[in-house]
Amino acid sequence: MFNGNYEGIFKKCKTIAVYGMSANSEKPSHRVPMFLMSKGYNIIPVNPNAQQIAGKQSHSSLQTIEEDIDIVEVFRPSKEALDIVKMAVDRKRKRGDIKVIWLQSGIINDEAEKLATSAGIIFIQNRCMYTEYIKSCN
């Protein structure tokens, strides 16, 4: 498990693909990325059920994103995390761009962690990016 410097991640990683970002402003999967966007992060929604979220094009998968991705933030059930990490690892092997996979609070998948770390990706699970940003960067 990652026990390192969250502040370092927030300072170095500026582009965040949010897998499972919601268009519903009441959900944490909308509020957390919007907060990060307000702090200057480039948020890229990944939600196959939406064309746009918060005025940004929504993507159906990580593979359709042309920009380099620093962090994949995941707002999906724990059982889906392994498949998402497999896509992220495949993308990293092809593009070399994903540095961090961050599973939000309540999302835990140890098999996904093993896969990500073996591919050289920092893996954080069961942590809220909003909470860790507030603790690390304010």
C-alpha atoms as a PDB file:
ATOM      1  CA  MET A   1       0.000   0.000   0.000  1.00  0.00           C
ATOM      2  CA  PHE A   2       1.148   3.532  -0.769  1.00  0.00           C
ATOM      3  CA  ASN A   3       2.325   5.358   2.338  1.00  0.00           C
ATOM      4  CA  GLY A   4       4.210   8.105   0.615  1.00  0.00           C
ATOM      5  CA  ASN A   5       3.886  11.764  -0.038  1.00  0.00           C
ATOM      6  CA  TYR A   6       0.440  12.796  -1.299  1.00  0.00           C
ATOM      7  CA  GLU A   7       1.596  16.402  -1.618  1.00  0.00           C
ATOM      8  CA  GLY A   8       4.263  15.279  -4.096  1.00  0.00           C
ATOM      9  CA  ILE A   9       1.629  13.570  -6.219  1.00  0.00           C
ATOM     10  CA  PHE A  10      -0.591  16.644  -6.188  1.00  0.00           C
ATOM     11  CA  LYS A  11       2.325  18.897  -7.173  1.00  0.00           C
ATOM     12  CA  LYS A  12       3.679  16.708  -9.990  1.00  0.00           C
ATOM     13  CA  CYS A  13       0.508  15.200 -11.453  1.00  0.00           C
ATOM     14  CA  LYS A  14      -1.827  17.696 -13.119  1.00  0.00           C
ATOM     15  CA  THR A  15      -3.947  15.658 -15.540  1.00  0.00           C
ATOM     16  CA  ILE A  16      -6.524  13.359 -13.978  1.00  0.00           C
ATOM     17  CA  ALA A  17      -8.723  10.938 -15.915  1.00  0.00           C
ATOM     18  CA  VAL A  18     -11.765  10.342 -13.704  1.00  0.00           C
ATOM     19  CA  TYR A  19     -13.100   6.869 -14.418  1.00  0.00           C
ATOM     20  CA  GLY A  20     -16.770   6.895 -13.440  1.00  0.00           C
ATOM     21  CA  MET A  21     -17.185  10.663 -13.205  1.00  0.00           C
ATOM     22  CA  SER A  22     -20.850  11.524 -12.795  1.00  0.00           C
ATOM     23  CA  ALA A  23     -22.828  14.344 -14.388  1.00  0.00           C
ATOM     24  CA  ASN A  24     -24.939  14.429 -11.196  1.00  0.00           C
ATOM     25  CA  SER A  25     -23.617  17.320  -9.104  1.00  0.00           C
ATOM     26  CA  GLU A  26     -24.916  15.662  -5.909  1.00  0.00           C
ATOM     27  CA  LYS A  27     -22.531  12.709  -6.183  1.00  0.00           C
ATOM     28  CA  PRO A  28     -18.969  12.616  -4.854  1.00  0.00           C
ATOM     29  CA  SER A  29     -17.938  11.325  -8.299  1.00  0.00           C
ATOM     30  CA  HIS A  30     -18.833  14.797  -9.572  1.00  0.00           C
ATOM     31  CA  ARG A  31     -17.999  17.001  -6.591  1.00  0.00           C
ATOM     32  CA  VAL A  32     -14.445  15.680  -6.013  1.00  0.00           C
ATOM     33  CA  PRO A  33     -13.271  16.141  -9.628  1.00  0.00           C
ATOM     34  CA  MET A  34     -14.925  19.578  -9.763  1.00  0.00           C
ATOM     35  CA  PHE A  35     -13.043  20.598  -6.618  1.00  0.00           C
ATOM     36  CA  LEU A  36      -9.776  19.421  -8.189  1.00  0.00           C
ATOM     37  CA  MET A  37     -10.630  21.300 -11.376  1.00  0.00           C
ATOM     38  CA  SER A  38     -11.128  24.451  -9.282  1.00  0.00           C
ATOM     39  CA  LYS A  39      -7.559  23.944  -8.011  1.00  0.00           C
ATOM     40  CA  GLY A  40      -6.150  23.951 -11.538  1.00  0.00           C
ATOM     41  CA  TYR A  41      -6.127  20.257 -12.432  1.00  0.00           C
ATOM     42  CA  ASN A  42      -7.032  19.117 -15.928  1.00  0.00           C
ATOM     43  CA  ILE A  43      -9.968  16.763 -15.398  1.00  0.00           C
ATOM     44  CA  ILE A  44     -10.871  14.286 -18.133  1.00  0.00           C
ATOM     45  CA  PRO A  45     -14.208  12.515 -17.572  1.00  0.00           C
ATOM     46  CA  VAL A  46     -14.421   8.817 -18.415  1.00  0.00           C
ATOM     47  CA  ASN A  47     -18.057   7.748 -18.545  1.00  0.00           C
ATOM     48  CA  PRO A  48     -19.477   5.863 -21.535  1.00  0.00           C
ATOM     49  CA  ASN A  49     -23.004   7.028 -20.625  1.00  0.00           C
ATOM     50  CA  ALA A  50     -22.311  10.749 -21.047  1.00  0.00           C
ATOM     51  CA  GLN A  51     -21.111  12.821 -23.988  1.00  0.00           C
ATOM     52  CA  GLN A  52     -20.100  15.776 -21.830  1.00  0.00           C
ATOM     53  CA  ILE A  53     -19.639  16.393 -18.118  1.00  0.00           C
ATOM     54  CA  ALA A  54     -18.951  19.863 -16.725  1.00  0.00           C
ATOM     55  CA  GLY A  55     -18.428  21.167 -20.242  1.00  0.00           C
ATOM     56  CA  LYS A  56     -15.726  18.610 -21.013  1.00  0.00           C
ATOM     57  CA  GLN A  57     -15.901  15.758 -23.501  1.00  0.00           C
ATOM     58  CA  SER A  58     -16.533  12.469 -21.739  1.00  0.00           C
ATOM     59  CA  HIS A  59     -14.616   9.433 -22.964  1.00  0.00           C
ATOM     60  CA  SER A  60     -15.803   5.849 -23.159  1.00  0.00           C
ATOM     61  CA  SER A  61     -12.444   4.436 -22.031  1.00  0.00           C
ATOM     62  CA  LEU A  62      -8.877   5.401 -21.163  1.00  0.00           C
ATOM     63  CA  GLN A  63      -7.773   4.403 -24.659  1.00  0.00           C
ATOM     64  CA  THR A  64      -9.804   7.160 -26.357  1.00  0.00           C
ATOM     65  CA  ILE A  65      -8.023   9.946 -24.448  1.00  0.00           C
ATOM     66  CA  GLU A  66      -5.395  11.660 -26.590  1.00  0.00           C
ATOM     67  CA  GLU A  67      -3.769  13.713 -23.817  1.00  0.00           C
ATOM     68  CA  ASP A  68      -1.172  12.252 -21.486  1.00  0.00           C
ATOM     69  CA  ILE A  69      -2.709  11.086 -18.207  1.00  0.00           C
ATOM     70  CA  ASP A  70      -0.919  11.445 -14.860  1.00  0.00           C
ATOM     71  CA  ILE A  71      -3.564   9.962 -12.546  1.00  0.00           C
ATOM     72  CA  VAL A  72      -6.481   7.616 -13.113  1.00  0.00           C
ATOM     73  CA  GLU A  73      -8.978   8.375 -10.359  1.00  0.00           C
ATOM     74  CA  VAL A  74     -11.553   5.588  -9.995  1.00  0.00           C
ATOM     75  CA  PHE A  75     -15.171   5.999  -8.884  1.00  0.00           C
ATOM     76  CA  ARG A  76     -16.433   2.500  -9.677  1.00  0.00           C
ATOM     77  CA  PRO A  77     -17.216  -0.538  -7.495  1.00  0.00           C
ATOM     78  CA  SER A  78     -14.259  -2.515  -6.118  1.00  0.00           C
ATOM     79  CA  LYS A  79     -15.107  -5.502  -8.338  1.00  0.00           C
ATOM     80  CA  GLU A  80     -14.565  -3.324 -11.459  1.00  0.00           C
ATOM     81  CA  ALA A  81     -11.196  -1.975 -10.333  1.00  0.00           C
ATOM     82  CA  LEU A  82      -9.127  -4.848 -11.725  1.00  0.00           C
ATOM     83  CA  ASP A  83     -10.461  -4.390 -15.267  1.00  0.00           C
ATOM     84  CA  ILE A  84      -9.832  -0.636 -15.062  1.00  0.00           C
ATOM     85  CA  VAL A  85      -6.288  -1.238 -13.833  1.00  0.00           C
ATOM     86  CA  LYS A  86      -5.703  -3.717 -16.673  1.00  0.00           C
ATOM     87  CA  MET A  87      -6.685  -0.963 -19.141  1.00  0.00           C
ATOM     88  CA  ALA A  88      -4.425   1.533 -17.361  1.00  0.00           C
ATOM     89  CA  VAL A  89      -1.461  -0.852 -17.371  1.00  0.00           C
ATOM     90  CA  ASP A  90      -2.005  -1.585 -21.064  1.00  0.00           C
ATOM     91  CA  ARG A  91      -2.088   2.145 -21.786  1.00  0.00           C
ATOM     92  CA  LYS A  92       1.062   2.761 -19.709  1.00  0.00           C
ATOM     93  CA  ARG A  93       2.906   0.055 -21.649  1.00  0.00           C
ATOM     94  CA  LYS A  94       1.887   1.664 -24.942  1.00  0.00           C
ATOM     95  CA  ARG A  95       2.098   5.358 -23.999  1.00  0.00           C
ATOM     96  CA  GLY A  96       4.146   5.493 -20.804  1.00  0.00           C
ATOM     97  CA  ASP A  97       1.944   8.148 -19.288  1.00  0.00           C
ATOM     98  CA  ILE A  98       0.021   6.864 -16.244  1.00  0.00           C
ATOM     99  CA  LYS A  99       1.916   7.446 -13.003  1.00  0.00           C
ATOM    100  CA  VAL A 100      -0.817   6.900 -10.371  1.00  0.00           C
ATOM    101  CA  ILE A 101      -4.024   4.909 -10.005  1.00  0.00           C
ATOM    102  CA  TRP A 102      -6.196   6.243  -7.197  1.00  0.00           C
ATOM    103  CA  LEU A 103      -9.210   4.279  -5.959  1.00  0.00           C
ATOM    104  CA  GLN A 104     -11.548   6.552  -4.011  1.00  0.00           C
ATOM    105  CA  SER A 105     -12.807   5.899  -0.473  1.00  0.00           C
ATOM    106  CA  GLY A 106     -14.482   2.513  -0.107  1.00  0.00           C
ATOM    107  CA  ILE A 107     -12.906   1.073  -3.253  1.00  0.00           C
ATOM    108  CA  ILE A 108     -10.433  -1.708  -2.521  1.00  0.00           C
ATOM    109  CA  ASN A 109      -8.949  -4.350  -4.815  1.00  0.00           C
ATOM    110  CA  ASP A 110      -5.697  -6.009  -3.766  1.00  0.00           C
ATOM    111  CA  GLU A 111      -5.302  -7.897  -7.045  1.00  0.00           C
ATOM    112  CA  ALA A 112      -5.501  -4.582  -8.903  1.00  0.00           C
ATOM    113  CA  GLU A 113      -2.852  -3.194  -6.555  1.00  0.00           C
ATOM    114  CA  LYS A 114      -0.455  -6.041  -7.368  1.00  0.00           C
ATOM    115  CA  LEU A 115      -0.945  -5.550 -11.100  1.00  0.00           C
ATOM    116  CA  ALA A 116      -0.464  -1.777 -10.944  1.00  0.00           C
ATOM    117  CA  THR A 117       2.616  -1.841  -8.728  1.00  0.00           C
ATOM    118  CA  SER A 118       4.233  -4.572 -10.840  1.00  0.00           C
ATOM    119  CA  ALA A 119       3.829  -2.196 -13.810  1.00  0.00           C
ATOM    120  CA  GLY A 120       5.535   0.621 -11.906  1.00  0.00           C
ATOM    121  CA  ILE A 121       2.363   2.572 -11.183  1.00  0.00           C
ATOM    122  CA  ILE A 122       1.778   4.134  -7.759  1.00  0.00           C
ATOM    123  CA  PHE A 123      -1.421   2.619  -6.392  1.00  0.00           C
ATOM    124  CA  ILE A 124      -3.634   4.252  -3.777  1.00  0.00           C
ATOM    125  CA  GLN A 125      -6.889   2.714  -2.623  1.00  0.00           C
ATOM    126  CA  ASN A 126      -9.646   3.525  -0.163  1.00  0.00           C
ATOM    127  CA  ARG A 127      -8.605   7.198   0.022  1.00  0.00           C
ATOM    128  CA  CYS A 128     -10.489  10.323  -1.018  1.00  0.00           C
ATOM    129  CA  MET A 129      -8.528  12.677  -3.272  1.00  0.00           C
ATOM    130  CA  TYR A 130     -10.425  15.659  -1.853  1.00  0.00           C
ATOM    131  CA  THR A 131      -9.577  14.741   1.746  1.00  0.00           C
ATOM    132  CA  GLU A 132      -5.922  14.018   0.973  1.00  0.00           C
ATOM    133  CA  TYR A 133      -5.602  17.250  -1.007  1.00  0.00           C
ATOM    134  CA  ILE A 134      -7.009  19.265   1.907  1.00  0.00           C
ATOM    135  CA  LYS A 135      -4.643  17.557   4.369  1.00  0.00           C
ATOM    136  CA  SER A 136      -1.576  17.817   2.112  1.00  0.00           C
ATOM    137  CA  CYS A 137      -1.905  21.063   0.206  1.00  0.00           C
ATOM    138  CA  ASN A 138      -3.691  23.592   2.421  1.00  0.00           C
END
